[in-house]
Amino acid sequence: MHEKRPDGAERLMLPTGGEIPNNARLPVLLHRAALAPGDPAAAEALFARHGWPPAWRNGIYDFHHYHPNAHEALAIAAGQVRVRLGGKHGVTLDLGAGDVVVLPAGTGHRNLGQSPDLLVVGAYPPGDPPEQFTGRPGERTKAVHAIPATPDPPCDPVTGGAYPRG
């Protein structure tokens, strides 16, 4: 399911099942052009203002991975990247500077290609440190228990409004 919200964000529900479980209850949020390009400090300030402490500046791994116990916000501060969300049967998105994608716990993500100047700002809401799973044998059993036990995001880290349900 893919729909546009009144606040302009796109809402995507990804398929569950397979080695990447995704989140059956919470959608991925995609905010296009939510930030001024080239200003990672602006992304960090926005996330912090809405209770999502900025955690890192870097890129996105080029292998499928997910966090079964943490939600994650990714702001593209500079450059461009093509990402696959939801595992091999998920969706592919082209993201550019200023875009923000918010991934609920369990959502697989992978960098499929990027510009040389890619810079991403990552943030997580308060809680346990994020574990990283890659779809290895045995992980799914633990993940399907951890994902629904993860508290809902306190808010949408871009708008500060309530995080929507699937």
C-alpha atoms as a PDB file:
ATOM      1  CA  MET A   1       0.000   0.000   0.000  1.00  0.00           C
ATOM      2  CA  HIS A   2       1.269   3.440  -0.904  1.00  0.00           C
ATOM      3  CA  GLU A   3      -0.614   6.643  -0.152  1.00  0.00           C
ATOM      4  CA  LYS A   4       0.025  10.360   0.272  1.00  0.00           C
ATOM      5  CA  ARG A   5      -0.892  11.954   3.615  1.00  0.00           C
ATOM      6  CA  PRO A   6      -2.411  15.426   4.086  1.00  0.00           C
ATOM      7  CA  ASP A   7       0.939  16.674   5.463  1.00  0.00           C
ATOM      8  CA  GLY A   8       2.591  15.700   2.156  1.00  0.00           C
ATOM      9  CA  ALA A   9       4.376  12.603   3.440  1.00  0.00           C
ATOM     10  CA  GLU A  10       4.080   9.377   1.518  1.00  0.00           C
ATOM     11  CA  ARG A  11       3.075   6.340   3.548  1.00  0.00           C
ATOM     12  CA  LEU A  12       4.227   2.879   2.478  1.00  0.00           C
ATOM     13  CA  MET A  13       3.254  -0.480   3.966  1.00  0.00           C
ATOM     14  CA  LEU A  14       5.808  -3.116   3.051  1.00  0.00           C
ATOM     15  CA  PRO A  15       5.173  -6.839   2.673  1.00  0.00           C
ATOM     16  CA  THR A  16       5.891  -8.966   5.729  1.00  0.00           C
ATOM     17  CA  GLY A  17       7.442 -12.402   5.536  1.00  0.00           C
ATOM     18  CA  GLY A  18      10.665 -13.654   4.091  1.00  0.00           C
ATOM     19  CA  GLU A  19      14.051 -13.136   5.689  1.00  0.00           C
ATOM     20  CA  ILE A  20      13.330  -9.406   6.238  1.00  0.00           C
ATOM     21  CA  PRO A  21      10.208  -9.196   8.440  1.00  0.00           C
ATOM     22  CA  ASN A  22       9.347  -5.477   8.010  1.00  0.00           C
ATOM     23  CA  ASN A  23       6.646  -3.994  10.218  1.00  0.00           C
ATOM     24  CA  ALA A  24       3.050  -5.209   9.888  1.00  0.00           C
ATOM     25  CA  ARG A  25       1.587  -2.322  11.927  1.00  0.00           C
ATOM     26  CA  LEU A  26       3.545   0.847  11.186  1.00  0.00           C
ATOM     27  CA  PRO A  27       4.195   2.371   7.770  1.00  0.00           C
ATOM     28  CA  VAL A  28       7.389   3.773   6.335  1.00  0.00           C
ATOM     29  CA  LEU A  29       7.102   7.556   5.990  1.00  0.00           C
ATOM     30  CA  LEU A  30       8.745   9.375   3.094  1.00  0.00           C
ATOM     31  CA  HIS A  31       9.058  13.156   3.295  1.00  0.00           C
ATOM     32  CA  ARG A  32      10.298  14.586  -0.010  1.00  0.00           C
ATOM     33  CA  ALA A  33      12.236  17.880   0.136  1.00  0.00           C
ATOM     34  CA  ALA A  34      11.668  18.166   3.898  1.00  0.00           C
ATOM     35  CA  LEU A  35      15.025  19.856   4.533  1.00  0.00           C
ATOM     36  CA  ALA A  36      17.332  22.343   2.869  1.00  0.00           C
ATOM     37  CA  PRO A  37      19.936  20.319   0.937  1.00  0.00           C
ATOM     38  CA  GLY A  38      23.519  20.388   2.147  1.00  0.00           C
ATOM     39  CA  ASP A  39      22.830  21.166   5.799  1.00  0.00           C
ATOM     40  CA  PRO A  40      23.250  18.112   8.060  1.00  0.00           C
ATOM     41  CA  ALA A  41      22.996  20.326  11.157  1.00  0.00           C
ATOM     42  CA  ALA A  42      19.452  21.301  10.100  1.00  0.00           C
ATOM     43  CA  ALA A  43      18.476  17.614   9.942  1.00  0.00           C
ATOM     44  CA  GLU A  44      20.000  16.994  13.361  1.00  0.00           C
ATOM     45  CA  ALA A  45      18.188  20.002  14.826  1.00  0.00           C
ATOM     46  CA  LEU A  46      14.845  18.907  13.350  1.00  0.00           C
ATOM     47  CA  PHE A  47      15.196  15.376  14.680  1.00  0.00           C
ATOM     48  CA  ALA A  48      16.303  16.587  18.125  1.00  0.00           C
ATOM     49  CA  ARG A  49      13.421  19.086  18.307  1.00  0.00           C
ATOM     50  CA  HIS A  50      10.976  16.182  17.882  1.00  0.00           C
ATOM     51  CA  GLY A  51      12.647  13.858  20.394  1.00  0.00           C
ATOM     52  CA  TRP A  52      14.728  11.743  17.988  1.00  0.00           C
ATOM     53  CA  PRO A  53      18.350  12.333  19.069  1.00  0.00           C
ATOM     54  CA  PRO A  54      20.684  12.371  16.059  1.00  0.00           C
ATOM     55  CA  ALA A  55      23.013   9.368  16.244  1.00  0.00           C
ATOM     56  CA  TRP A  56      25.344   9.441  13.244  1.00  0.00           C
ATOM     57  CA  ARG A  57      26.451  10.966   9.926  1.00  0.00           C
ATOM     58  CA  ASN A  58      27.544   8.550   7.218  1.00  0.00           C
ATOM     59  CA  GLY A  59      25.886   6.572   4.410  1.00  0.00           C
ATOM     60  CA  ILE A  60      23.620   3.534   4.065  1.00  0.00           C
ATOM     61  CA  TYR A  61      25.030   0.012   4.011  1.00  0.00           C
ATOM     62  CA  ASP A  62      25.028  -1.794   0.658  1.00  0.00           C
ATOM     63  CA  PHE A  63      23.488  -4.959   2.110  1.00  0.00           C
ATOM     64  CA  HIS A  64      19.987  -5.652   3.417  1.00  0.00           C
ATOM     65  CA  HIS A  65      19.761  -4.941   7.122  1.00  0.00           C
ATOM     66  CA  TYR A  66      17.177  -3.905   9.690  1.00  0.00           C
ATOM     67  CA  HIS A  67      16.770  -3.034  13.346  1.00  0.00           C
ATOM     68  CA  PRO A  68      14.211  -5.287  15.086  1.00  0.00           C
ATOM     69  CA  ASN A  69      14.181  -3.194  18.267  1.00  0.00           C
ATOM     70  CA  ALA A  70      14.444   0.402  17.005  1.00  0.00           C
ATOM     71  CA  HIS A  71      12.838   2.828  14.581  1.00  0.00           C
ATOM     72  CA  GLU A  72      15.211   4.861  12.396  1.00  0.00           C
ATOM     73  CA  ALA A  73      15.031   8.196  10.580  1.00  0.00           C
ATOM     74  CA  LEU A  74      17.364   8.811   7.634  1.00  0.00           C
ATOM     75  CA  ALA A  75      17.828  12.338   6.295  1.00  0.00           C
ATOM     76  CA  ILE A  76      19.659  12.694   3.004  1.00  0.00           C
ATOM     77  CA  ALA A  77      21.761  15.767   3.759  1.00  0.00           C
ATOM     78  CA  ALA A  78      23.751  15.706   0.503  1.00  0.00           C
ATOM     79  CA  GLY A  79      23.889  13.647  -2.659  1.00  0.00           C
ATOM     80  CA  GLN A  80      21.569  10.983  -3.956  1.00  0.00           C
ATOM     81  CA  VAL A  81      20.970   7.324  -3.219  1.00  0.00           C
ATOM     82  CA  ARG A  82      18.831   4.504  -4.575  1.00  0.00           C
ATOM     83  CA  VAL A  83      17.553   2.330  -1.721  1.00  0.00           C
ATOM     84  CA  ARG A  84      15.617  -0.894  -1.538  1.00  0.00           C
ATOM     85  CA  LEU A  85      13.195  -0.978   1.381  1.00  0.00           C
ATOM     86  CA  GLY A  86      11.642  -4.187   2.634  1.00  0.00           C
ATOM     87  CA  GLY A  87      14.068  -6.808   1.322  1.00  0.00           C
ATOM     88  CA  LYS A  88      14.344  -8.308  -2.136  1.00  0.00           C
ATOM     89  CA  HIS A  89      10.560  -8.133  -2.692  1.00  0.00           C
ATOM     90  CA  GLY A  90      10.244  -4.589  -1.344  1.00  0.00           C
ATOM     91  CA  VAL A  91      10.238  -1.218  -3.089  1.00  0.00           C
ATOM     92  CA  THR A  92      13.051   0.789  -4.635  1.00  0.00           C
ATOM     93  CA  LEU A  93      13.223   4.532  -3.993  1.00  0.00           C
ATOM     94  CA  ASP A  94      15.461   7.250  -5.353  1.00  0.00           C
ATOM     95  CA  LEU A  95      16.234   9.715  -2.572  1.00  0.00           C
ATOM     96  CA  GLY A  96      17.945  13.071  -2.907  1.00  0.00           C
ATOM     97  CA  ALA A  97      19.292  15.800  -0.678  1.00  0.00           C
ATOM     98  CA  GLY A  98      16.495  17.105   1.546  1.00  0.00           C
ATOM     99  CA  ASP A  99      14.473  13.870   1.599  1.00  0.00           C
ATOM    100  CA  VAL A 100      13.773  12.029   4.859  1.00  0.00           C
ATOM    101  CA  VAL A 101      12.629   8.431   5.199  1.00  0.00           C
ATOM    102  CA  VAL A 102      11.394   7.052   8.527  1.00  0.00           C
ATOM    103  CA  LEU A 103      11.695   3.299   9.005  1.00  0.00           C
ATOM    104  CA  PRO A 104       9.690   1.508  11.689  1.00  0.00           C
ATOM    105  CA  ALA A 105      11.392  -1.341  13.552  1.00  0.00           C
ATOM    106  CA  GLY A 106      11.963  -4.357  11.323  1.00  0.00           C
ATOM    107  CA  THR A 107      12.091  -2.447   8.038  1.00  0.00           C
ATOM    108  CA  GLY A 108      14.820  -3.722   5.759  1.00  0.00           C
ATOM    109  CA  HIS A 109      16.930  -1.194   3.885  1.00  0.00           C
ATOM    110  CA  ARG A 110      19.852  -1.384   1.467  1.00  0.00           C
ATOM    111  CA  ASN A 111      21.895   1.050  -0.615  1.00  0.00           C
ATOM    112  CA  LEU A 112      21.719   0.049  -4.292  1.00  0.00           C
ATOM    113  CA  GLY A 113      23.911   2.918  -5.529  1.00  0.00           C
ATOM    114  CA  GLN A 114      24.830   6.452  -4.569  1.00  0.00           C
ATOM    115  CA  SER A 115      26.444   9.651  -5.702  1.00  0.00           C
ATOM    116  CA  PRO A 116      30.001  10.249  -4.435  1.00  0.00           C
ATOM    117  CA  ASP A 117      28.865  13.088  -2.162  1.00  0.00           C
ATOM    118  CA  LEU A 118      26.174  11.133  -0.260  1.00  0.00           C
ATOM    119  CA  LEU A 119      25.801  12.186   3.370  1.00  0.00           C
ATOM    120  CA  VAL A 120      23.038  10.741   5.549  1.00  0.00           C
ATOM    121  CA  VAL A 121      22.037  11.798   9.059  1.00  0.00           C
ATOM    122  CA  GLY A 122      20.554   8.994  11.146  1.00  0.00           C
ATOM    123  CA  ALA A 123      18.449   9.222  14.290  1.00  0.00           C
ATOM    124  CA  TYR A 124      16.553   6.892  16.601  1.00  0.00           C
ATOM    125  CA  PRO A 125      13.948   7.683  19.252  1.00  0.00           C
ATOM    126  CA  PRO A 126      15.054   7.064  22.845  1.00  0.00           C
ATOM    127  CA  GLY A 127      15.205   3.417  23.826  1.00  0.00           C
ATOM    128  CA  ASP A 128      17.484   0.426  23.611  1.00  0.00           C
ATOM    129  CA  PRO A 129      20.505   0.694  21.304  1.00  0.00           C
ATOM    130  CA  PRO A 130      19.529  -0.597  17.863  1.00  0.00           C
ATOM    131  CA  GLU A 131      20.438  -4.176  17.066  1.00  0.00           C
ATOM    132  CA  GLN A 132      21.342  -4.886  13.448  1.00  0.00           C
ATOM    133  CA  PHE A 133      20.034  -7.978  11.684  1.00  0.00           C
ATOM    134  CA  THR A 134      20.701  -8.983   8.079  1.00  0.00           C
ATOM    135  CA  GLY A 135      18.334 -11.890   7.477  1.00  0.00           C
ATOM    136  CA  ARG A 136      20.694 -14.627   8.646  1.00  0.00           C
ATOM    137  CA  PRO A 137      19.179 -17.954   9.737  1.00  0.00           C
ATOM    138  CA  GLY A 138      17.709 -17.758  13.230  1.00  0.00           C
ATOM    139  CA  GLU A 139      17.317 -13.961  13.305  1.00  0.00           C
ATOM    140  CA  ARG A 140      13.705 -13.902  12.147  1.00  0.00           C
ATOM    141  CA  THR A 141      12.443 -15.810  15.201  1.00  0.00           C
ATOM    142  CA  LYS A 142      13.960 -13.217  17.532  1.00  0.00           C
ATOM    143  CA  ALA A 143      12.884 -10.315  15.296  1.00  0.00           C
ATOM    144  CA  VAL A 144       9.191 -11.255  15.120  1.00  0.00           C
ATOM    145  CA  HIS A 145       9.060 -10.986  18.920  1.00  0.00           C
ATOM    146  CA  ALA A 146      11.187  -7.823  19.190  1.00  0.00           C
ATOM    147  CA  ILE A 147       9.377  -5.779  16.519  1.00  0.00           C
ATOM    148  CA  PRO A 148       5.898  -5.645  18.153  1.00  0.00           C
ATOM    149  CA  ALA A 149       7.529  -5.228  21.596  1.00  0.00           C
ATOM    150  CA  THR A 150       9.299  -2.057  20.446  1.00  0.00           C
ATOM    151  CA  PRO A 151       7.370   1.009  21.701  1.00  0.00           C
ATOM    152  CA  ASP A 152       5.722   3.041  18.957  1.00  0.00           C
ATOM    153  CA  PRO A 153       7.637   6.108  17.799  1.00  0.00           C
ATOM    154  CA  PRO A 154       6.878   9.120  19.997  1.00  0.00           C
ATOM    155  CA  CYS A 155       6.034  11.109  16.845  1.00  0.00           C
ATOM    156  CA  ASP A 156       6.907  11.666  13.213  1.00  0.00           C
ATOM    157  CA  PRO A 157      10.464  13.072  13.490  1.00  0.00           C
ATOM    158  CA  VAL A 158       9.852  15.523  10.628  1.00  0.00           C
ATOM    159  CA  THR A 159       6.465  17.027  11.521  1.00  0.00           C
ATOM    160  CA  GLY A 160       6.319  16.281  15.246  1.00  0.00           C
ATOM    161  CA  GLY A 161       2.773  14.984  14.693  1.00  0.00           C
ATOM    162  CA  ALA A 162       1.454  11.581  15.704  1.00  0.00           C
ATOM    163  CA  TYR A 163       3.050   8.629  13.944  1.00  0.00           C
ATOM    164  CA  PRO A 164       0.387   6.952  11.786  1.00  0.00           C
ATOM    165  CA  ARG A 165      -0.610   3.313  12.078  1.00  0.00           C
ATOM    166  CA  GLY A 166      -0.906   0.930   9.145  1.00  0.00           C
END
